[in-house]
Amino acid sequence: MQELISPAQSATLVLLVSIIVALGGAIWGYRVLDKRGLLAGLSGVLVYALWQAHKYVTRLDAQSGYFGLDKLSVLLGEVVAVVVLGATLGVLWSKISRLKPKENEDNATDLL
C-alpha cells in the first residue's frame, strides 16, 4: 500500500506553511502592535522547529530498534512540551500586547 503523502512531501509542506505563517505573523503583528508585533513572525520558525523535533523523536532507527511512534512516553513528552510552550508563549504575548508605547515629548507638548 502506498502512502498518501511521503515524508519528503510533508517536510516540504511544513516548510512552506512555516514561511507563510512567519510572513503572515510578522505582517499582522506589525499592523496590530507596531514594531513589537514583529515577534509574531517567530511563530513560523517555531512551527518548523517543533516539526523537526517531532520527526526526531518519532524516527525509526533500524540498527538500535528505536521506533518513537509506539512509545507512550514520546506522546506524553510531546503533549507536555506543546502545552508548556503554548502557555509560556500565551503569557509572553499577553504581556507584550499590553505594553503601551512610550509617548515622546512632542505628543506631550501638543496637549498643552
N, C-alpha and C. Protein backbone atom coordinates (compact mmCIF):
# COMPACT_ATOMS: atom_id res chain seq x y z
N MET A 1 0.84 -1.17 0.00
CA MET A 1 0.00 0.00 0.00
C MET A 1 0.89 1.24 0.00
N GLN A 2 0.55 2.18 -0.84
CA GLN A 2 1.34 3.40 -0.96
C GLN A 2 0.83 4.45 0.03
N GLU A 3 1.76 5.26 0.51
CA GLU A 3 1.42 6.32 1.46
C GLU A 3 0.63 7.42 0.76
N LEU A 4 -0.24 8.09 1.51
CA LEU A 4 -0.96 9.23 0.95
C LEU A 4 -0.04 10.42 0.70
N ILE A 5 0.92 10.59 1.60
CA ILE A 5 1.89 11.67 1.47
C ILE A 5 3.23 11.14 1.95
N SER A 6 4.27 11.40 1.20
CA SER A 6 5.58 10.90 1.56
C SER A 6 6.23 11.81 2.61
N PRO A 7 7.23 11.29 3.31
CA PRO A 7 7.94 12.15 4.28
C PRO A 7 8.57 13.38 3.63
N ALA A 8 9.05 13.23 2.41
CA ALA A 8 9.63 14.40 1.72
C ALA A 8 8.57 15.44 1.40
N GLN A 9 7.38 14.98 0.99
CA GLN A 9 6.30 15.91 0.70
C GLN A 9 5.83 16.62 1.97
N SER A 10 5.75 15.88 3.07
CA SER A 10 5.32 16.51 4.33
C SER A 10 6.35 17.52 4.82
N ALA A 11 7.63 17.23 4.64
CA ALA A 11 8.67 18.18 5.05
C ALA A 11 8.58 19.46 4.22
N THR A 12 8.34 19.31 2.92
CA THR A 12 8.19 20.48 2.05
C THR A 12 6.96 21.28 2.43
N LEU A 13 5.87 20.60 2.70
CA LEU A 13 4.63 21.27 3.09
C LEU A 13 4.80 22.05 4.39
N VAL A 14 5.44 21.44 5.38
CA VAL A 14 5.65 22.13 6.66
C VAL A 14 6.57 23.33 6.47
N LEU A 15 7.58 23.20 5.63
CA LEU A 15 8.46 24.33 5.37
C LEU A 15 7.71 25.49 4.73
N LEU A 16 6.88 25.19 3.74
CA LEU A 16 6.08 26.24 3.09
C LEU A 16 5.10 26.89 4.06
N VAL A 17 4.43 26.08 4.86
CA VAL A 17 3.49 26.63 5.85
C VAL A 17 4.23 27.48 6.87
N SER A 18 5.41 27.06 7.28
CA SER A 18 6.20 27.83 8.24
C SER A 18 6.58 29.20 7.68
N ILE A 19 6.95 29.23 6.41
CA ILE A 19 7.30 30.51 5.78
C ILE A 19 6.07 31.41 5.70
N ILE A 20 4.94 30.84 5.31
CA ILE A 20 3.70 31.63 5.20
C ILE A 20 3.28 32.16 6.57
N VAL A 21 3.37 31.30 7.59
CA VAL A 21 2.99 31.72 8.95
C VAL A 21 3.96 32.79 9.46
N ALA A 22 5.24 32.65 9.17
CA ALA A 22 6.21 33.65 9.63
C ALA A 22 5.94 35.01 8.98
N LEU A 23 5.73 35.01 7.68
CA LEU A 23 5.46 36.28 6.99
C LEU A 23 4.11 36.86 7.41
N GLY A 24 3.09 36.02 7.46
CA GLY A 24 1.76 36.48 7.87
C GLY A 24 1.75 36.99 9.30
N GLY A 25 2.43 36.28 10.20
CA GLY A 25 2.52 36.72 11.59
C GLY A 25 3.26 38.02 11.75
N ALA A 26 4.33 38.19 10.98
CA ALA A 26 5.08 39.44 11.07
C ALA A 26 4.26 40.61 10.53
N ILE A 27 3.57 40.41 9.42
CA ILE A 27 2.75 41.49 8.85
C ILE A 27 1.60 41.83 9.77
N TRP A 28 0.89 40.80 10.24
CA TRP A 28 -0.24 41.03 11.14
C TRP A 28 0.22 41.69 12.43
N GLY A 29 1.30 41.17 13.01
CA GLY A 29 1.81 41.74 14.26
C GLY A 29 2.25 43.17 14.11
N TYR A 30 2.88 43.49 12.99
CA TYR A 30 3.32 44.86 12.77
C TYR A 30 2.13 45.80 12.63
N ARG A 31 1.09 45.34 11.96
CA ARG A 31 -0.11 46.19 11.79
C ARG A 31 -0.84 46.41 13.11
N VAL A 32 -0.89 45.38 13.93
CA VAL A 32 -1.66 45.47 15.17
C VAL A 32 -0.84 46.12 16.29
N LEU A 33 0.39 45.72 16.45
CA LEU A 33 1.18 46.17 17.59
C LEU A 33 2.43 46.96 17.21
N ASP A 34 2.50 47.41 16.01
CA ASP A 34 3.65 48.17 15.53
C ASP A 34 4.90 47.29 15.59
N LYS A 35 6.01 47.80 15.99
CA LYS A 35 7.25 47.05 15.92
C LYS A 35 7.29 45.87 16.87
N ARG A 36 6.59 45.95 17.99
CA ARG A 36 6.57 44.83 18.93
C ARG A 36 5.89 43.61 18.33
N GLY A 37 5.01 43.83 17.39
CA GLY A 37 4.27 42.74 16.79
C GLY A 37 5.07 41.89 15.83
N LEU A 38 6.25 42.36 15.46
CA LEU A 38 7.08 41.55 14.58
C LEU A 38 7.47 40.22 15.22
N LEU A 39 7.36 40.15 16.54
CA LEU A 39 7.65 38.89 17.23
C LEU A 39 6.68 37.79 16.82
N ALA A 40 5.51 38.15 16.34
CA ALA A 40 4.56 37.15 15.88
C ALA A 40 5.10 36.37 14.69
N GLY A 41 6.03 36.95 13.98
CA GLY A 41 6.65 36.26 12.86
C GLY A 41 7.50 35.08 13.28
N LEU A 42 7.89 35.06 14.54
CA LEU A 42 8.67 33.92 15.03
C LEU A 42 7.85 32.65 15.13
N SER A 43 6.53 32.76 15.05
CA SER A 43 5.69 31.57 15.15
C SER A 43 5.96 30.59 14.02
N GLY A 44 6.27 31.10 12.84
CA GLY A 44 6.59 30.21 11.72
C GLY A 44 7.87 29.43 11.96
N VAL A 45 8.86 30.09 12.52
CA VAL A 45 10.12 29.43 12.86
C VAL A 45 9.86 28.37 13.92
N LEU A 46 9.00 28.69 14.87
CA LEU A 46 8.66 27.75 15.93
C LEU A 46 7.95 26.51 15.38
N VAL A 47 7.06 26.69 14.42
CA VAL A 47 6.38 25.56 13.79
C VAL A 47 7.40 24.62 13.15
N TYR A 48 8.35 25.19 12.43
CA TYR A 48 9.36 24.36 11.76
C TYR A 48 10.24 23.64 12.78
N ALA A 49 10.64 24.34 13.83
CA ALA A 49 11.48 23.72 14.86
C ALA A 49 10.74 22.58 15.57
N LEU A 50 9.46 22.79 15.87
CA LEU A 50 8.68 21.72 16.51
C LEU A 50 8.51 20.53 15.57
N TRP A 51 8.37 20.78 14.28
CA TRP A 51 8.25 19.68 13.32
C TRP A 51 9.54 18.87 13.27
N GLN A 52 10.68 19.55 13.29
CA GLN A 52 11.95 18.84 13.27
C GLN A 52 12.12 18.01 14.55
N ALA A 53 11.71 18.54 15.69
CA ALA A 53 11.78 17.79 16.94
C ALA A 53 10.85 16.58 16.90
N HIS A 54 9.66 16.75 16.34
CA HIS A 54 8.72 15.63 16.22
C HIS A 54 9.29 14.54 15.32
N LYS A 55 9.89 14.93 14.20
CA LYS A 55 10.49 13.93 13.31
C LYS A 55 11.61 13.17 14.01
N TYR A 56 12.37 13.84 14.86
CA TYR A 56 13.47 13.19 15.55
C TYR A 56 12.97 12.18 16.58
N VAL A 57 11.99 12.55 17.39
CA VAL A 57 11.55 11.64 18.45
C VAL A 57 10.67 10.51 17.93
N THR A 58 10.11 10.64 16.73
CA THR A 58 9.28 9.56 16.18
C THR A 58 10.00 8.80 15.06
N ARG A 59 11.30 8.93 15.01
CA ARG A 59 12.07 8.29 13.93
C ARG A 59 12.10 6.76 14.10
N LEU A 60 12.46 6.09 13.03
CA LEU A 60 12.66 4.64 13.04
C LEU A 60 14.15 4.41 12.81
N ASP A 61 14.80 3.84 13.80
CA ASP A 61 16.22 3.52 13.70
C ASP A 61 16.36 2.01 13.68
N ALA A 62 16.67 1.45 12.50
CA ALA A 62 16.73 0.00 12.33
C ALA A 62 17.88 -0.63 13.11
N GLN A 63 18.99 0.06 13.28
CA GLN A 63 20.14 -0.51 13.97
C GLN A 63 19.86 -0.71 15.46
N SER A 64 19.29 0.29 16.09
CA SER A 64 19.03 0.19 17.53
C SER A 64 17.64 -0.35 17.84
N GLY A 65 16.76 -0.37 16.84
CA GLY A 65 15.40 -0.84 17.06
C GLY A 65 14.49 0.21 17.66
N TYR A 66 14.94 1.46 17.69
CA TYR A 66 14.12 2.53 18.26
C TYR A 66 13.02 2.93 17.28
N PHE A 67 11.81 2.99 17.79
CA PHE A 67 10.68 3.46 16.99
C PHE A 67 9.82 4.29 17.91
N GLY A 68 9.84 5.61 17.71
CA GLY A 68 9.20 6.54 18.65
C GLY A 68 7.69 6.54 18.62
N LEU A 69 7.09 6.08 17.51
CA LEU A 69 5.63 6.15 17.42
C LEU A 69 4.92 5.15 18.32
N ASP A 70 5.61 4.11 18.78
CA ASP A 70 4.94 3.11 19.62
C ASP A 70 5.24 3.29 21.11
N LYS A 71 5.78 4.43 21.48
CA LYS A 71 6.11 4.68 22.90
C LYS A 71 5.18 5.74 23.47
N LEU A 72 4.56 5.42 24.57
CA LEU A 72 3.68 6.36 25.24
C LEU A 72 4.45 7.55 25.80
N SER A 73 5.69 7.30 26.22
CA SER A 73 6.50 8.39 26.78
C SER A 73 6.77 9.47 25.73
N VAL A 74 6.92 9.08 24.47
CA VAL A 74 7.14 10.06 23.40
C VAL A 74 5.89 10.92 23.23
N LEU A 75 4.73 10.28 23.20
CA LEU A 75 3.47 11.02 23.05
C LEU A 75 3.26 11.97 24.21
N LEU A 76 3.44 11.49 25.43
CA LEU A 76 3.25 12.35 26.59
C LEU A 76 4.27 13.49 26.62
N GLY A 77 5.51 13.20 26.22
CA GLY A 77 6.53 14.24 26.17
C GLY A 77 6.17 15.34 25.19
N GLU A 78 5.65 14.94 24.03
CA GLU A 78 5.25 15.95 23.05
C GLU A 78 4.05 16.76 23.54
N VAL A 79 3.10 16.12 24.18
CA VAL A 79 1.93 16.84 24.71
C VAL A 79 2.37 17.84 25.77
N VAL A 80 3.21 17.41 26.69
CA VAL A 80 3.68 18.30 27.75
C VAL A 80 4.48 19.46 27.15
N ALA A 81 5.33 19.18 26.18
CA ALA A 81 6.13 20.24 25.57
C ALA A 81 5.25 21.28 24.88
N VAL A 82 4.22 20.83 24.17
CA VAL A 82 3.34 21.76 23.46
C VAL A 82 2.51 22.58 24.45
N VAL A 83 2.02 21.94 25.51
CA VAL A 83 1.21 22.67 26.50
C VAL A 83 2.06 23.71 27.23
N VAL A 84 3.24 23.33 27.65
CA VAL A 84 4.12 24.28 28.36
C VAL A 84 4.54 25.42 27.43
N LEU A 85 4.91 25.08 26.20
CA LEU A 85 5.31 26.11 25.24
C LEU A 85 4.14 27.04 24.91
N GLY A 86 2.95 26.49 24.73
CA GLY A 86 1.78 27.31 24.45
C GLY A 86 1.43 28.24 25.59
N ALA A 87 1.49 27.72 26.82
CA ALA A 87 1.19 28.56 27.98
C ALA A 87 2.23 29.67 28.14
N THR A 88 3.48 29.33 27.95
CA THR A 88 4.55 30.33 28.07
C THR A 88 4.41 31.41 27.01
N LEU A 89 4.19 31.00 25.77
CA LEU A 89 4.04 31.99 24.71
C LEU A 89 2.76 32.82 24.89
N GLY A 90 1.71 32.23 25.40
CA GLY A 90 0.48 32.98 25.66
C GLY A 90 0.68 34.06 26.71
N VAL A 91 1.38 33.72 27.77
CA VAL A 91 1.66 34.71 28.82
C VAL A 91 2.57 35.82 28.28
N LEU A 92 3.61 35.44 27.54
CA LEU A 92 4.50 36.45 26.98
C LEU A 92 3.77 37.36 25.99
N TRP A 93 2.93 36.76 25.14
CA TRP A 93 2.20 37.56 24.16
C TRP A 93 1.23 38.53 24.85
N SER A 94 0.57 38.08 25.92
CA SER A 94 -0.35 38.98 26.61
C SER A 94 0.40 40.13 27.26
N LYS A 95 1.60 39.87 27.77
CA LYS A 95 2.39 40.95 28.37
C LYS A 95 2.89 41.91 27.30
N ILE A 96 3.30 41.39 26.16
CA ILE A 96 3.78 42.25 25.07
C ILE A 96 2.65 43.11 24.52
N SER A 97 1.48 42.50 24.35
CA SER A 97 0.37 43.24 23.75
C SER A 97 -0.21 44.28 24.70
N ARG A 98 0.01 44.13 25.99
CA ARG A 98 -0.48 45.13 26.96
C ARG A 98 0.45 46.32 27.09
N LEU A 99 1.69 46.18 26.67
CA LEU A 99 2.63 47.29 26.78
C LEU A 99 2.17 48.45 25.92
N LYS A 100 2.22 49.62 26.49
CA LYS A 100 1.85 50.81 25.73
C LYS A 100 3.12 51.48 25.26
N PRO A 101 3.14 51.93 24.02
CA PRO A 101 4.35 52.62 23.56
C PRO A 101 4.55 53.92 24.34
N LYS A 102 5.80 54.20 24.60
CA LYS A 102 6.11 55.43 25.33
C LYS A 102 5.81 56.63 24.45
N GLU A 103 5.15 57.60 25.04
CA GLU A 103 4.86 58.82 24.29
C GLU A 103 6.09 59.70 24.31
N ASN A 104 6.39 60.24 23.17
CA ASN A 104 7.54 61.13 23.14
C ASN A 104 7.13 62.52 23.61
N GLU A 105 8.09 63.37 23.80
CA GLU A 105 7.82 64.69 24.37
C GLU A 105 7.00 65.57 23.43
N ASP A 106 7.09 65.35 22.13
CA ASP A 106 6.33 66.16 21.18
C ASP A 106 4.83 65.97 21.39
N ASN A 107 4.41 64.74 21.61
CA ASN A 107 2.99 64.48 21.84
C ASN A 107 2.52 65.10 23.17
N ALA A 108 3.38 65.08 24.15
CA ALA A 108 3.00 65.64 25.44
C ALA A 108 2.86 67.17 25.36
N THR A 109 3.70 67.83 24.57
CA THR A 109 3.62 69.28 24.49
C THR A 109 2.46 69.73 23.60
N ASP A 110 1.99 68.86 22.70
CA ASP A 110 0.86 69.21 21.87
C ASP A 110 -0.43 69.35 22.69
N LEU A 111 -0.50 68.67 23.82
CA LEU A 111 -1.68 68.73 24.65
C LEU A 111 -1.78 70.03 25.43
N LEU A 112 -0.68 70.75 25.59
CA LEU A 112 -0.69 71.99 26.38
C LEU A 112 -1.21 73.15 25.64
